[in-house]
Amino acid sequence: MNKLILCGFFLSIFAIFESYALKASDCEVCFAVVEKFSAGLTSDEKKDSKVIENKFRTYCKTAKNKEHRFCYYLGGLEESATGILSEMAKPLSWSTPVDKVCEKLKKKDNQICDLRFEKSIDVKTVDLKKLKVRDLKKILSDWDETCEDCIEKGDFIKRIEVLKPKYVREDL
């Protein structure tokens, strides 16, 4: 009887700890960036935390949007106010799983897990006239394009319509 109670106790403790484990949906930008970044490292690079830090700084130079903000929080950018890059690099060099790395980063800076990816806009099906100028600018930014002479919403729509064949594949 005592063994059954003890076994039940341990199972409930395990269930409680499992429910507190960080999930990818709780910290989506961290999971995505760390997975993408670590996948691009060679096995030799993964062993040295200083190499990881330098590679991450290089990675951050081309990061955009939420990934760029994540780099800022970690200290991967020159203009970063803080630097907790070693909190990511050392665990990665020890082959720590991504969820544990993000969990550790969250303990250092809670903002890291507040980052969320924006929902992508399907340019092929959306009515551009119904979008806000902010969303139209985001479409151009995602395409690495600019609209220097755009002043009104109609100007942005015209620019997107001109660039659409270049970036949007029409499936037949």
Foldseek 3Di string as FASTA:
>chain_A
DVVVVVVVVVVVVVVVVVVPQDDCLQQVLQLVLLVVLLVPDDLVCQQDLVSSLVSLLVVLVPDDDLNVVLCLDQVSYPPRPDHVSSLQSVCSNVVHDSSVSVVSVCVVPVVNSVDDDDDDDDPVPDDLVPDDVVNLQVVCVVVVHDQPPDDDSVSSVVVCVVCVVVPPDDDD
